[in-house]
C-alpha atoms as a PDB file:
ATOM      1  CA  UNK A   1       0.048  -0.239  -0.233  1.00  0.00           C
ATOM      2  CA  UNK A   2       1.233   3.779  -0.360  1.00  0.00           C
ATOM      3  CA  UNK A   3      -0.286   6.963   0.157  1.00  0.00           C
ATOM      4  CA  UNK A   4       0.036  10.442  -1.451  1.00  0.00           C
ATOM      5  CA  UNK A   5       1.760  13.217  -0.143  1.00  0.00           C
ATOM      6  CA  UNK A   6       1.480  16.618  -1.303  1.00  0.00           C
ATOM      7  CA  UNK A   7       4.744  18.826  -0.505  1.00  0.00           C
ATOM      8  CA  UNK A   8       3.485  22.453  -0.564  1.00  0.00           C
ATOM      9  CA  UNK A   9       6.318  25.606  -0.085  1.00  0.00           C
ATOM     10  CA  UNK A  10       6.463  29.378  -0.596  1.00  0.00           C
ATOM     11  CA  UNK A  11       8.558  30.044  -3.964  1.00  0.00           C
ATOM     12  CA  UNK A  12      10.462  33.248  -4.328  1.00  0.00           C
ATOM     13  CA  UNK A  13       8.397  35.338  -7.052  1.00  0.00           C
ATOM     14  CA  UNK A  14       8.688  39.184  -6.272  1.00  0.00           C
ATOM     15  CA  UNK A  15       7.324  40.974  -5.026  1.00  0.00           C
ATOM     16  CA  UNK A  16       4.422  38.695  -3.740  1.00  0.00           C
ATOM     17  CA  UNK A  17       5.712  35.026  -3.046  1.00  0.00           C
ATOM     18  CA  UNK A  18       3.440  32.085  -4.743  1.00  0.00           C
ATOM     19  CA  UNK A  19       2.529  28.782  -3.587  1.00  0.00           C
ATOM     20  CA  UNK A  20       3.958  25.490  -5.203  1.00  0.00           C
ATOM     21  CA  UNK A  21       3.307  21.966  -4.637  1.00  0.00           C
ATOM     22  CA  UNK A  22       3.850  18.465  -6.359  1.00  0.00           C
ATOM     23  CA  UNK A  23       3.397  14.930  -5.433  1.00  0.00           C
ATOM     24  CA  UNK A  24       5.445  12.204  -4.071  1.00  0.00           C
ATOM     25  CA  UNK A  25       3.895   8.616  -3.333  1.00  0.00           C
ATOM     26  CA  UNK A  26       5.417   7.142  -0.205  1.00  0.00           C
ATOM     27  CA  UNK A  27       5.004   3.533   0.726  1.00  0.00           C
ATOM     28  CA  UNK A  28       2.353   3.186   3.621  1.00  0.00           C
ATOM     29  CA  UNK A  29       3.515   4.319   7.151  1.00  0.00           C
ATOM     30  CA  UNK A  30       6.860   5.855   5.413  1.00  0.00           C
ATOM     31  CA  UNK A  31       8.193   8.865   7.190  1.00  0.00           C
ATOM     32  CA  UNK A  32       8.141  12.261   4.930  1.00  0.00           C
ATOM     33  CA  UNK A  33      11.641  12.684   3.571  1.00  0.00           C
ATOM     34  CA  UNK A  34      13.139  15.892   2.720  1.00  0.00           C
ATOM     35  CA  UNK A  35      13.108  16.313  -1.357  1.00  0.00           C
ATOM     36  CA  UNK A  36      14.482  18.082  -4.021  1.00  0.00           C
ATOM     37  CA  UNK A  37      13.053  20.819  -6.699  1.00  0.00           C
ATOM     38  CA  UNK A  38      14.086  22.898  -9.842  1.00  0.00           C
ATOM     39  CA  UNK A  39      14.862  26.072  -7.696  1.00  0.00           C
ATOM     40  CA  UNK A  40      15.115  27.956 -11.423  1.00  0.00           C
ATOM     41  CA  UNK A  41      11.784  26.813 -12.013  1.00  0.00           C
ATOM     42  CA  UNK A  42      10.108  29.219  -9.134  1.00  0.00           C
ATOM     43  CA  UNK A  43      12.901  31.989  -8.733  1.00  0.00           C
ATOM     44  CA  UNK A  44      14.914  30.424  -5.949  1.00  0.00           C
ATOM     45  CA  UNK A  45      17.772  29.365  -7.953  1.00  0.00           C
ATOM     46  CA  UNK A  46      19.784  30.138 -11.067  1.00  0.00           C
ATOM     47  CA  UNK A  47      19.961  27.220 -13.924  1.00  0.00           C
ATOM     48  CA  UNK A  48      23.380  26.043 -13.526  1.00  0.00           C
ATOM     49  CA  UNK A  49      22.967  25.521  -9.834  1.00  0.00           C
ATOM     50  CA  UNK A  50      19.364  24.886  -9.547  1.00  0.00           C
ATOM     51  CA  UNK A  51      18.673  22.430  -6.847  1.00  0.00           C
ATOM     52  CA  UNK A  52      16.988  23.093  -3.686  1.00  0.00           C
ATOM     53  CA  UNK A  53      15.481  21.259  -0.851  1.00  0.00           C
ATOM     54  CA  UNK A  54      12.015  20.651   0.544  1.00  0.00           C
ATOM     55  CA  UNK A  55      12.290  20.298   4.460  1.00  0.00           C
ATOM     56  CA  UNK A  56       8.848  18.823   5.864  1.00  0.00           C
ATOM     57  CA  UNK A  57       7.305  20.991   8.745  1.00  0.00           C
ATOM     58  CA  UNK A  58       4.142  20.332   9.187  1.00  0.00           C
ATOM     59  CA  UNK A  59       1.766  17.547   7.600  1.00  0.00           C
ATOM     60  CA  UNK A  60      -2.293  17.466   7.650  1.00  0.00           C
ATOM     61  CA  UNK A  61      -4.812  15.230   6.622  1.00  0.00           C
ATOM     62  CA  UNK A  62      -5.452  15.886   2.645  1.00  0.00           C
ATOM     63  CA  UNK A  63      -9.155  16.889   2.931  1.00  0.00           C
ATOM     64  CA  UNK A  64      -9.144  16.924  -0.905  1.00  0.00           C
ATOM     65  CA  UNK A  65      -8.058  13.248  -1.967  1.00  0.00           C
ATOM     66  CA  UNK A  66      -8.921  12.011   1.539  1.00  0.00           C
ATOM     67  CA  UNK A  67      -7.761   8.634   2.896  1.00  0.00           C
ATOM     68  CA  UNK A  68      -4.298   7.885   4.124  1.00  0.00           C
ATOM     69  CA  UNK A  69      -2.975  10.875   1.909  1.00  0.00           C
ATOM     70  CA  UNK A  70      -1.033  14.222   3.529  1.00  0.00           C
ATOM     71  CA  UNK A  71      -0.554  17.755   2.566  1.00  0.00           C
ATOM     72  CA  UNK A  72       2.857  18.729   3.573  1.00  0.00           C
ATOM     73  CA  UNK A  73       4.050  22.356   4.249  1.00  0.00           C
ATOM     74  CA  UNK A  74       7.722  22.428   3.629  1.00  0.00           C
ATOM     75  CA  UNK A  75      10.562  24.951   4.190  1.00  0.00           C
ATOM     76  CA  UNK A  76      12.961  25.800   1.302  1.00  0.00           C
ATOM     77  CA  UNK A  77      16.447  25.020   2.322  1.00  0.00           C
ATOM     78  CA  UNK A  78      19.883  25.418  -0.302  1.00  0.00           C
ATOM     79  CA  UNK A  79      22.042  22.070  -0.779  1.00  0.00           C
ATOM     80  CA  UNK A  80      24.453  23.047   2.009  1.00  0.00           C
ATOM     81  CA  UNK A  81      21.789  22.766   4.781  1.00  0.00           C
ATOM     82  CA  UNK A  82      21.025  26.361   5.579  1.00  0.00           C
ATOM     83  CA  UNK A  83      17.925  28.066   4.959  1.00  0.00           C
ATOM     84  CA  UNK A  84      17.191  29.818   1.700  1.00  0.00           C
ATOM     85  CA  UNK A  85      17.045  33.271   1.423  1.00  0.00           C
ATOM     86  CA  UNK A  86      13.046  33.161   0.599  1.00  0.00           C
ATOM     87  CA  UNK A  87      12.683  30.882   3.916  1.00  0.00           C
ATOM     88  CA  UNK A  88      11.054  33.472   6.025  1.00  0.00           C
ATOM     89  CA  UNK A  89       9.615  31.059   8.365  1.00  0.00           C
ATOM     90  CA  UNK A  90      13.558  30.070   9.220  1.00  0.00           C
ATOM     91  CA  UNK A  91      13.551  34.269  10.397  1.00  0.00           C
ATOM     92  CA  UNK A  92      10.503  34.225  12.487  1.00  0.00           C
ATOM     93  CA  UNK A  93      12.121  30.801  14.262  1.00  0.00           C
ATOM     94  CA  UNK A  94      14.436  32.446  16.932  1.00  0.00           C
ATOM     95  CA  UNK A  95      12.069  35.243  17.564  1.00  0.00           C
ATOM     96  CA  UNK A  96       9.435  33.214  18.158  1.00  0.00           C
ATOM     97  CA  UNK A  97      11.945  31.001  20.379  1.00  0.00           C
ATOM     98  CA  UNK A  98      13.423  34.432  22.193  1.00  0.00           C
ATOM     99  CA  UNK A  99       9.835  35.856  23.497  1.00  0.00           C
ATOM    100  CA  UNK A 100       8.033  32.411  23.623  1.00  0.00           C
ATOM    101  CA  UNK A 101       7.785  32.851  27.568  1.00  0.00           C
ATOM    102  CA  UNK A 102       5.171  35.911  26.839  1.00  0.00           C
ATOM    103  CA  UNK A 103       2.718  33.558  25.015  1.00  0.00           C
ATOM    104  CA  UNK A 104       1.897  35.436  21.869  1.00  0.00           C
ATOM    105  CA  UNK A 105      -1.535  34.592  20.375  1.00  0.00           C
ATOM    106  CA  UNK A 106      -2.739  35.718  16.675  1.00  0.00           C
ATOM    107  CA  UNK A 107      -5.732  35.566  14.767  1.00  0.00           C
ATOM    108  CA  UNK A 108      -5.284  36.406  11.290  1.00  0.00           C
ATOM    109  CA  UNK A 109      -8.259  37.659   9.161  1.00  0.00           C
ATOM    110  CA  UNK A 110      -7.326  36.621   5.488  1.00  0.00           C
ATOM    111  CA  UNK A 111      -9.668  38.515   2.755  1.00  0.00           C
ATOM    112  CA  UNK A 112      -9.544  37.423  -0.791  1.00  0.00           C
ATOM    113  CA  UNK A 113     -11.401  38.167  -4.180  1.00  0.00           C
ATOM    114  CA  UNK A 114     -12.820  35.673  -6.506  1.00  0.00           C
ATOM    115  CA  UNK A 115     -12.203  35.832 -10.321  1.00  0.00           C
ATOM    116  CA  UNK A 116     -13.877  34.723 -13.519  1.00  0.00           C
ATOM    117  CA  UNK A 117     -13.156  35.412 -16.931  1.00  0.00           C
ATOM    118  CA  UNK A 118     -10.769  38.435 -15.905  1.00  0.00           C
ATOM    119  CA  UNK A 119     -13.127  40.086 -13.640  1.00  0.00           C
ATOM    120  CA  UNK A 120     -14.661  39.562  -9.954  1.00  0.00           C
ATOM    121  CA  UNK A 121     -17.192  36.995  -9.098  1.00  0.00           C
ATOM    122  CA  UNK A 122     -20.375  39.014  -9.521  1.00  0.00           C
ATOM    123  CA  UNK A 123     -19.144  41.780 -11.332  1.00  0.00           C
ATOM    124  CA  UNK A 124     -21.366  42.362 -15.341  1.00  0.00           C
ATOM    125  CA  UNK A 125     -19.376  42.065 -18.102  1.00  0.00           C
ATOM    126  CA  UNK A 126     -19.078  45.554 -18.722  1.00  0.00           C
ATOM    127  CA  UNK A 127     -19.611  48.207 -16.337  1.00  0.00           C
ATOM    128  CA  UNK A 128     -19.925  48.015 -12.513  1.00  0.00           C
ATOM    129  CA  UNK A 129     -22.397  46.233  -9.926  1.00  0.00           C
ATOM    130  CA  UNK A 130     -24.320  48.538  -7.421  1.00  0.00           C
ATOM    131  CA  UNK A 131     -22.059  50.300  -4.875  1.00  0.00           C
ATOM    132  CA  UNK A 132     -20.784  48.174  -1.951  1.00  0.00           C
ATOM    133  CA  UNK A 133     -22.626  48.239   1.179  1.00  0.00           C
ATOM    134  CA  UNK A 134     -25.331  45.230   0.910  1.00  0.00           C
ATOM    135  CA  UNK A 135     -22.670  42.693   0.041  1.00  0.00           C
ATOM    136  CA  UNK A 136     -20.889  42.400   3.339  1.00  0.00           C
ATOM    137  CA  UNK A 137     -22.257  39.264   5.227  1.00  0.00           C
ATOM    138  CA  UNK A 138     -24.935  39.256   2.596  1.00  0.00           C
ATOM    139  CA  UNK A 139     -27.620  36.508   1.927  1.00  0.00           C
ATOM    140  CA  UNK A 140     -29.300  35.784  -1.780  1.00  0.00           C
ATOM    141  CA  UNK A 141     -28.205  35.303  -4.998  1.00  0.00           C
ATOM    142  CA  UNK A 142     -28.076  39.254  -5.933  1.00  0.00           C
ATOM    143  CA  UNK A 143     -25.499  40.004  -3.215  1.00  0.00           C
ATOM    144  CA  UNK A 144     -23.335  37.005  -2.697  1.00  0.00           C
ATOM    145  CA  UNK A 145     -21.310  35.352  -5.218  1.00  0.00           C
ATOM    146  CA  UNK A 146     -18.953  32.131  -4.817  1.00  0.00           C
ATOM    147  CA  UNK A 147     -20.668  30.666  -1.719  1.00  0.00           C
ATOM    148  CA  UNK A 148     -20.202  27.345  -2.521  1.00  0.00           C
ATOM    149  CA  UNK A 149     -16.745  27.223  -3.011  1.00  0.00           C
ATOM    150  CA  UNK A 150     -16.353  29.174   0.552  1.00  0.00           C
ATOM    151  CA  UNK A 151     -18.485  26.424   2.171  1.00  0.00           C
ATOM    152  CA  UNK A 152     -16.448  23.804   0.019  1.00  0.00           C
ATOM    153  CA  UNK A 153     -13.222  25.543   1.701  1.00  0.00           C
ATOM    154  CA  UNK A 154     -14.656  25.777   5.206  1.00  0.00           C
ATOM    155  CA  UNK A 155     -15.022  22.251   5.157  1.00  0.00           C
ATOM    156  CA  UNK A 156     -11.689  21.243   3.611  1.00  0.00           C
ATOM    157  CA  UNK A 157      -9.911  23.242   6.290  1.00  0.00           C
ATOM    158  CA  UNK A 158     -11.628  21.766   9.218  1.00  0.00           C
ATOM    159  CA  UNK A 159     -11.288  18.206   7.648  1.00  0.00           C
ATOM    160  CA  UNK A 160      -7.540  19.107   7.821  1.00  0.00           C
ATOM    161  CA  UNK A 161      -7.251  20.061  11.095  1.00  0.00           C
ATOM    162  CA  UNK A 162      -6.675  24.009  10.204  1.00  0.00           C
ATOM    163  CA  UNK A 163      -7.492  26.550  13.155  1.00  0.00           C
ATOM    164  CA  UNK A 164      -9.916  28.064  11.030  1.00  0.00           C
ATOM    165  CA  UNK A 165     -11.853  30.306  13.170  1.00  0.00           C
ATOM    166  CA  UNK A 166     -14.673  31.904  10.660  1.00  0.00           C
ATOM    167  CA  UNK A 167     -15.571  33.039   7.526  1.00  0.00           C
ATOM    168  CA  UNK A 168     -17.811  35.862   6.020  1.00  0.00           C
ATOM    169  CA  UNK A 169     -18.794  37.860   2.926  1.00  0.00           C
ATOM    170  CA  UNK A 170     -17.129  41.273   2.472  1.00  0.00           C
ATOM    171  CA  UNK A 171     -17.923  44.309   1.131  1.00  0.00           C
ATOM    172  CA  UNK A 172     -16.982  44.046  -2.642  1.00  0.00           C
ATOM    173  CA  UNK A 173     -18.932  41.242  -4.538  1.00  0.00           C
ATOM    174  CA  UNK A 174     -17.098  38.303  -5.002  1.00  0.00           C
ATOM    175  CA  UNK A 175     -14.968  39.373  -2.050  1.00  0.00           C
ATOM    176  CA  UNK A 176     -14.639  36.887   1.113  1.00  0.00           C
ATOM    177  CA  UNK A 177     -13.001  36.008   4.353  1.00  0.00           C
ATOM    178  CA  UNK A 178     -11.834  33.164   6.425  1.00  0.00           C
ATOM    179  CA  UNK A 179      -9.958  33.749   9.814  1.00  0.00           C
ATOM    180  CA  UNK A 180      -7.017  31.640  11.100  1.00  0.00           C
ATOM    181  CA  UNK A 181      -6.421  31.277  15.031  1.00  0.00           C
ATOM    182  CA  UNK A 182      -6.032  31.999  17.766  1.00  0.00           C
ATOM    183  CA  UNK A 183      -2.553  30.058  17.672  1.00  0.00           C
ATOM    184  CA  UNK A 184       1.128  31.047  18.179  1.00  0.00           C
ATOM    185  CA  UNK A 185       3.338  32.958  15.468  1.00  0.00           C
ATOM    186  CA  UNK A 186       4.486  29.660  13.397  1.00  0.00           C
ATOM    187  CA  UNK A 187       1.231  27.629  13.968  1.00  0.00           C
ATOM    188  CA  UNK A 188      -0.988  30.498  13.029  1.00  0.00           C
ATOM    189  CA  UNK A 189       1.375  31.444   9.798  1.00  0.00           C
ATOM    190  CA  UNK A 190       1.799  27.722   8.766  1.00  0.00           C
ATOM    191  CA  UNK A 191      -2.042  27.195   8.689  1.00  0.00           C
ATOM    192  CA  UNK A 192      -2.826  30.642   6.798  1.00  0.00           C
ATOM    193  CA  UNK A 193      -0.448  29.408   4.240  1.00  0.00           C
ATOM    194  CA  UNK A 194      -2.074  25.653   3.922  1.00  0.00           C
ATOM    195  CA  UNK A 195      -5.669  27.193   3.910  1.00  0.00           C
ATOM    196  CA  UNK A 196      -4.358  29.522   1.279  1.00  0.00           C
ATOM    197  CA  UNK A 197      -3.367  26.371  -0.937  1.00  0.00           C
ATOM    198  CA  UNK A 198      -6.633  24.390  -0.318  1.00  0.00           C
ATOM    199  CA  UNK A 199      -8.642  28.179  -1.336  1.00  0.00           C
ATOM    200  CA  UNK A 200      -6.433  28.157  -4.472  1.00  0.00           C
ATOM    201  CA  UNK A 201      -7.098  24.332  -5.332  1.00  0.00           C
ATOM    202  CA  UNK A 202     -10.814  24.290  -4.466  1.00  0.00           C
ATOM    203  CA  UNK A 203     -11.731  27.214  -6.365  1.00  0.00           C
ATOM    204  CA  UNK A 204      -9.618  25.645  -9.353  1.00  0.00           C
ATOM    205  CA  UNK A 205     -12.281  22.694  -9.400  1.00  0.00           C
ATOM    206  CA  UNK A 206     -14.980  25.670 -10.222  1.00  0.00           C
ATOM    207  CA  UNK A 207     -12.937  27.443 -13.210  1.00  0.00           C
ATOM    208  CA  UNK A 208     -11.933  29.997 -10.544  1.00  0.00           C
ATOM    209  CA  UNK A 209      -9.367  31.913  -9.452  1.00  0.00           C
ATOM    210  CA  UNK A 210      -9.126  33.101  -5.795  1.00  0.00           C
ATOM    211  CA  UNK A 211      -6.653  36.626  -5.889  1.00  0.00           C
ATOM    212  CA  UNK A 212      -5.036  38.349  -2.543  1.00  0.00           C
ATOM    213  CA  UNK A 213      -4.234  41.353  -4.280  1.00  0.00           C
ATOM    214  CA  UNK A 214      -4.261  44.356  -2.059  1.00  0.00           C
ATOM    215  CA  UNK A 215      -6.330  46.440  -4.476  1.00  0.00           C
ATOM    216  CA  UNK A 216      -8.046  44.212  -6.951  1.00  0.00           C
ATOM    217  CA  UNK A 217     -10.349  46.574  -8.021  1.00  0.00           C
ATOM    218  CA  UNK A 218      -8.893  50.685  -8.673  1.00  0.00           C
ATOM    219  CA  UNK A 219     -11.747  53.157  -7.273  1.00  0.00           C
ATOM    220  CA  UNK A 220     -14.235  53.338  -4.917  1.00  0.00           C
ATOM    221  CA  UNK A 221     -14.101  49.936  -3.735  1.00  0.00           C
ATOM    222  CA  UNK A 222     -12.377  48.569  -0.105  1.00  0.00           C
ATOM    223  CA  UNK A 223      -9.168  46.581  -1.000  1.00  0.00           C
ATOM    224  CA  UNK A 224      -8.411  43.369   1.042  1.00  0.00           C
ATOM    225  CA  UNK A 225      -6.338  43.146   4.085  1.00  0.00           C
ATOM    226  CA  UNK A 226      -5.567  40.647   6.524  1.00  0.00           C
ATOM    227  CA  UNK A 227      -5.949  42.163   9.570  1.00  0.00           C
ATOM    228  CA  UNK A 228      -3.737  40.883  12.403  1.00  0.00           C
ATOM    229  CA  UNK A 229      -5.146  40.430  16.005  1.00  0.00           C
ATOM    230  CA  UNK A 230      -2.199  39.964  18.724  1.00  0.00           C
ATOM    231  CA  UNK A 231      -2.100  39.790  22.092  1.00  0.00           C
ATOM    232  CA  UNK A 232       0.694  38.321  24.696  1.00  0.00           C
ATOM    233  CA  UNK A 233      -0.163  36.724  28.191  1.00  0.00           C
ATOM    234  CA  UNK A 234       0.334  40.455  29.824  1.00  0.00           C
ATOM    235  CA  UNK A 235      -1.749  41.831  27.203  1.00  0.00           C
ATOM    236  CA  UNK A 236      -4.686  39.360  28.153  1.00  0.00           C
ATOM    237  CA  UNK A 237      -4.137  40.344  31.744  1.00  0.00           C
ATOM    238  CA  UNK A 238      -3.439  43.881  31.827  1.00  0.00           C
ATOM    239  CA  UNK A 239      -4.726  47.366  29.485  1.00  0.00           C
ATOM    240  CA  UNK A 240      -1.184  48.742  30.683  1.00  0.00           C
ATOM    241  CA  UNK A 241       0.608  46.199  28.437  1.00  0.00           C
ATOM    242  CA  UNK A 242      -2.233  46.975  25.657  1.00  0.00           C
ATOM    243  CA  UNK A 243      -1.110  50.728  25.515  1.00  0.00           C
ATOM    244  CA  UNK A 244       2.542  49.899  25.786  1.00  0.00           C
ATOM    245  CA  UNK A 245       2.161  47.424  22.588  1.00  0.00           C
ATOM    246  CA  UNK A 246       0.149  49.969  20.851  1.00  0.00           C
ATOM    247  CA  UNK A 247       2.871  52.752  21.518  1.00  0.00           C
ATOM    248  CA  UNK A 248       5.931  50.460  20.695  1.00  0.00           C
ATOM    249  CA  UNK A 249       4.060  49.937  16.791  1.00  0.00           C
ATOM    250  CA  UNK A 250       4.682  53.909  16.432  1.00  0.00           C
ATOM    251  CA  UNK A 251       7.894  54.290  18.066  1.00  0.00           C
ATOM    252  CA  UNK A 252      10.613  56.132  15.768  1.00  0.00           C
ATOM    253  CA  UNK A 253      11.397  54.125  12.723  1.00  0.00           C
ATOM    254  CA  UNK A 254       9.108  51.178  13.751  1.00  0.00           C
ATOM    255  CA  UNK A 255       5.982  52.206  11.423  1.00  0.00           C
ATOM    256  CA  UNK A 256       8.594  52.082   8.286  1.00  0.00           C
ATOM    257  CA  UNK A 257       9.718  48.669   9.269  1.00  0.00           C
ATOM    258  CA  UNK A 258       6.411  47.391   9.894  1.00  0.00           C
ATOM    259  CA  UNK A 259       4.651  48.780   6.602  1.00  0.00           C
ATOM    260  CA  UNK A 260       7.770  47.662   4.437  1.00  0.00           C
ATOM    261  CA  UNK A 261       6.779  43.691   5.565  1.00  0.00           C
ATOM    262  CA  UNK A 262       3.280  44.667   5.535  1.00  0.00           C
ATOM    263  CA  UNK A 263       2.823  43.324   1.745  1.00  0.00           C
ATOM    264  CA  UNK A 264       3.127  44.455  -1.637  1.00  0.00           C
ATOM    265  CA  UNK A 265       0.948  47.621  -2.914  1.00  0.00           C
ATOM    266  CA  UNK A 266       0.111  48.914   0.510  1.00  0.00           C
ATOM    267  CA  UNK A 267       0.168  52.562  -0.319  1.00  0.00           C
ATOM    268  CA  UNK A 268      -2.890  51.508  -3.169  1.00  0.00           C
ATOM    269  CA  UNK A 269      -4.772  50.399  -0.450  1.00  0.00           C
ATOM    270  CA  UNK A 270      -4.011  52.162   2.878  1.00  0.00           C
ATOM    271  CA  UNK A 271      -4.877  55.926   1.743  1.00  0.00           C
ATOM    272  CA  UNK A 272      -7.271  57.146   4.423  1.00  0.00           C
ATOM    273  CA  UNK A 273     -10.228  56.157   2.961  1.00  0.00           C
ATOM    274  CA  UNK A 274     -12.250  52.880   3.311  1.00  0.00           C
ATOM    275  CA  UNK A 275     -11.404  52.296   6.545  1.00  0.00           C
ATOM    276  CA  UNK A 276      -7.737  52.562   6.756  1.00  0.00           C
ATOM    277  CA  UNK A 277      -5.395  54.885   7.772  1.00  0.00           C
ATOM    278  CA  UNK A 278      -2.848  56.609   5.862  1.00  0.00           C
ATOM    279  CA  UNK A 279      -0.091  53.937   5.651  1.00  0.00           C
ATOM    280  CA  UNK A 280       2.655  56.708   6.068  1.00  0.00           C
ATOM    281  CA  UNK A 281       0.921  57.767   9.649  1.00  0.00           C
ATOM    282  CA  UNK A 282       0.408  55.846  12.765  1.00  0.00           C
ATOM    283  CA  UNK A 283      -2.773  56.203  14.965  1.00  0.00           C
ATOM    284  CA  UNK A 284      -4.397  53.830  17.290  1.00  0.00           C
ATOM    285  CA  UNK A 285      -7.889  54.049  19.330  1.00  0.00           C
ATOM    286  CA  UNK A 286     -10.647  52.333  20.326  1.00  0.00           C
ATOM    287  CA  UNK A 287     -13.314  50.898  18.088  1.00  0.00           C
ATOM    288  CA  UNK A 288     -11.704  52.930  15.466  1.00  0.00           C
ATOM    289  CA  UNK A 289     -11.544  51.395  12.032  1.00  0.00           C
ATOM    290  CA  UNK A 290      -9.878  54.462  10.599  1.00  0.00           C
ATOM    291  CA  UNK A 291      -7.018  53.990  12.838  1.00  0.00           C
ATOM    292  CA  UNK A 292      -3.662  51.909  11.946  1.00  0.00           C
ATOM    293  CA  UNK A 293      -4.221  49.913  15.529  1.00  0.00           C
ATOM    294  CA  UNK A 294      -7.703  49.250  16.788  1.00  0.00           C
ATOM    295  CA  UNK A 295      -8.341  48.868  20.276  1.00  0.00           C
ATOM    296  CA  UNK A 296     -11.535  46.589  20.418  1.00  0.00           C
ATOM    297  CA  UNK A 297     -14.101  48.277  22.791  1.00  0.00           C
ATOM    298  CA  UNK A 298     -14.682  45.245  24.959  1.00  0.00           C
ATOM    299  CA  UNK A 299     -10.588  45.527  25.395  1.00  0.00           C
ATOM    300  CA  UNK A 300     -11.270  49.010  26.805  1.00  0.00           C
ATOM    301  CA  UNK A 301     -14.378  47.828  28.969  1.00  0.00           C
ATOM    302  CA  UNK A 302     -12.579  44.690  30.293  1.00  0.00           C
ATOM    303  CA  UNK A 303      -9.528  46.310  30.777  1.00  0.00           C
ATOM    304  CA  UNK A 304      -7.590  43.483  28.990  1.00  0.00           C
ATOM    305  CA  UNK A 305      -7.226  41.593  25.956  1.00  0.00           C
ATOM    306  CA  UNK A 306      -6.093  42.181  22.206  1.00  0.00           C
ATOM    307  CA  UNK A 307      -5.079  44.910  19.862  1.00  0.00           C
ATOM    308  CA  UNK A 308      -6.019  44.431  15.860  1.00  0.00           C
ATOM    309  CA  UNK A 309      -3.336  45.677  13.377  1.00  0.00           C
ATOM    310  CA  UNK A 310      -5.167  47.149  10.666  1.00  0.00           C
ATOM    311  CA  UNK A 311      -2.431  47.817   8.245  1.00  0.00           C
ATOM    312  CA  UNK A 312      -1.249  44.119   6.775  1.00  0.00           C
ATOM    313  CA  UNK A 313      -2.298  43.394   2.979  1.00  0.00           C
ATOM    314  CA  UNK A 314      -4.064  40.227   2.032  1.00  0.00           C
ATOM    315  CA  UNK A 315      -0.999  39.392   0.378  1.00  0.00           C
ATOM    316  CA  UNK A 316       1.203  39.386   3.127  1.00  0.00           C
ATOM    317  CA  UNK A 317       3.846  36.476   4.188  1.00  0.00           C
ATOM    318  CA  UNK A 318       2.324  35.513   7.535  1.00  0.00           C
ATOM    319  CA  UNK A 319       5.669  34.581   8.660  1.00  0.00           C
ATOM    320  CA  UNK A 320       6.794  38.517   8.281  1.00  0.00           C
ATOM    321  CA  UNK A 321       4.019  39.792   9.924  1.00  0.00           C
ATOM    322  CA  UNK A 322       4.197  37.337  13.073  1.00  0.00           C
ATOM    323  CA  UNK A 323       8.015  38.450  13.387  1.00  0.00           C
ATOM    324  CA  UNK A 324       7.702  42.328  13.487  1.00  0.00           C
ATOM    325  CA  UNK A 325       4.690  42.243  15.743  1.00  0.00           C
ATOM    326  CA  UNK A 326       6.387  39.677  18.149  1.00  0.00           C
ATOM    327  CA  UNK A 327       9.785  41.410  17.969  1.00  0.00           C
ATOM    328  CA  UNK A 328       8.392  44.938  18.606  1.00  0.00           C
ATOM    329  CA  UNK A 329       5.697  44.178  21.322  1.00  0.00           C
ATOM    330  CA  UNK A 330       7.360  41.519  22.985  1.00  0.00           C
ATOM    331  CA  UNK A 331      10.536  43.586  23.245  1.00  0.00           C
ATOM    332  CA  UNK A 332       8.845  46.478  24.526  1.00  0.00           C
ATOM    333  CA  UNK A 333       6.795  44.932  27.100  1.00  0.00           C
ATOM    334  CA  UNK A 334       9.898  43.212  28.435  1.00  0.00           C
ATOM    335  CA  UNK A 335      11.404  46.500  28.575  1.00  0.00           C
ATOM    336  CA  UNK A 336       8.637  47.748  30.546  1.00  0.00           C
ATOM    337  CA  UNK A 337       8.525  45.097  33.042  1.00  0.00           C
ATOM    338  CA  UNK A 338       5.310  43.833  31.817  1.00  0.00           C
ATOM    339  CA  UNK A 339       5.402  40.331  30.641  1.00  0.00           C
END
């Protein structure tokens, strides 16, 4: 007997990396070995020295093939045994380990847009649909498009053991969101990448493409983000720690550092319109969806909880975003003695 292992990895495409995968047949019960691939075809190596290595870091049941088959998330390494320069998971690991005692939790809200025949699902062949407004969390064939794919994706994530915590239709026709978490920095990022792969793969069966472009339609339409909810043990117990975390994100040099790691095309999305703060300014506030960082109202009431960084784009590499948030906030909390 044998089983199919779908090896999944993140390539070197710039400015936004893509997912790649290929199938290996393994004897029943066999461990998952390292495996090579042609990095010259994934923007990760030159043609005259093209070998790269896939090292499995997480396997889950394959909800599409079923049975004993697996989805296998991998890190990319060079043949000398060092992490590939595009391996952002390897860059997150030491930061996550350094501040592990602060017990950081994340919840990431992944927005995306379905496209078919070159236009968002639900858009007419010419012109535009009615202005946004009724589509958010809507119901009915005139307001919601692609629900069958969304439901299939949700079920697949649950069968795979991915920490999906919800779904909803978003403000533009054909635009949706799923949420991953709560989970630690490595786990939430791993699960988000696997959930993206399942989304693309399932949409493929419906002849639909799922885009995580930050501004899928120009003009008076919302962009697509990956709002990132973050807390540490201290923040879940103290409002002072909440304020320390918010202040740290606006400290000198930190705004630019985070924006640089929050996804391609961020200036097109963070304009100050459509529930965003300008990308080059920093603000935080209670219940303020026009701020860079929102403190939920119940957090102010209960004087403990989490914050929502509203700046990350839909096309983020979550390994970068979680690394930046842990490094900035946990360092500040440590210096303040709030751990």
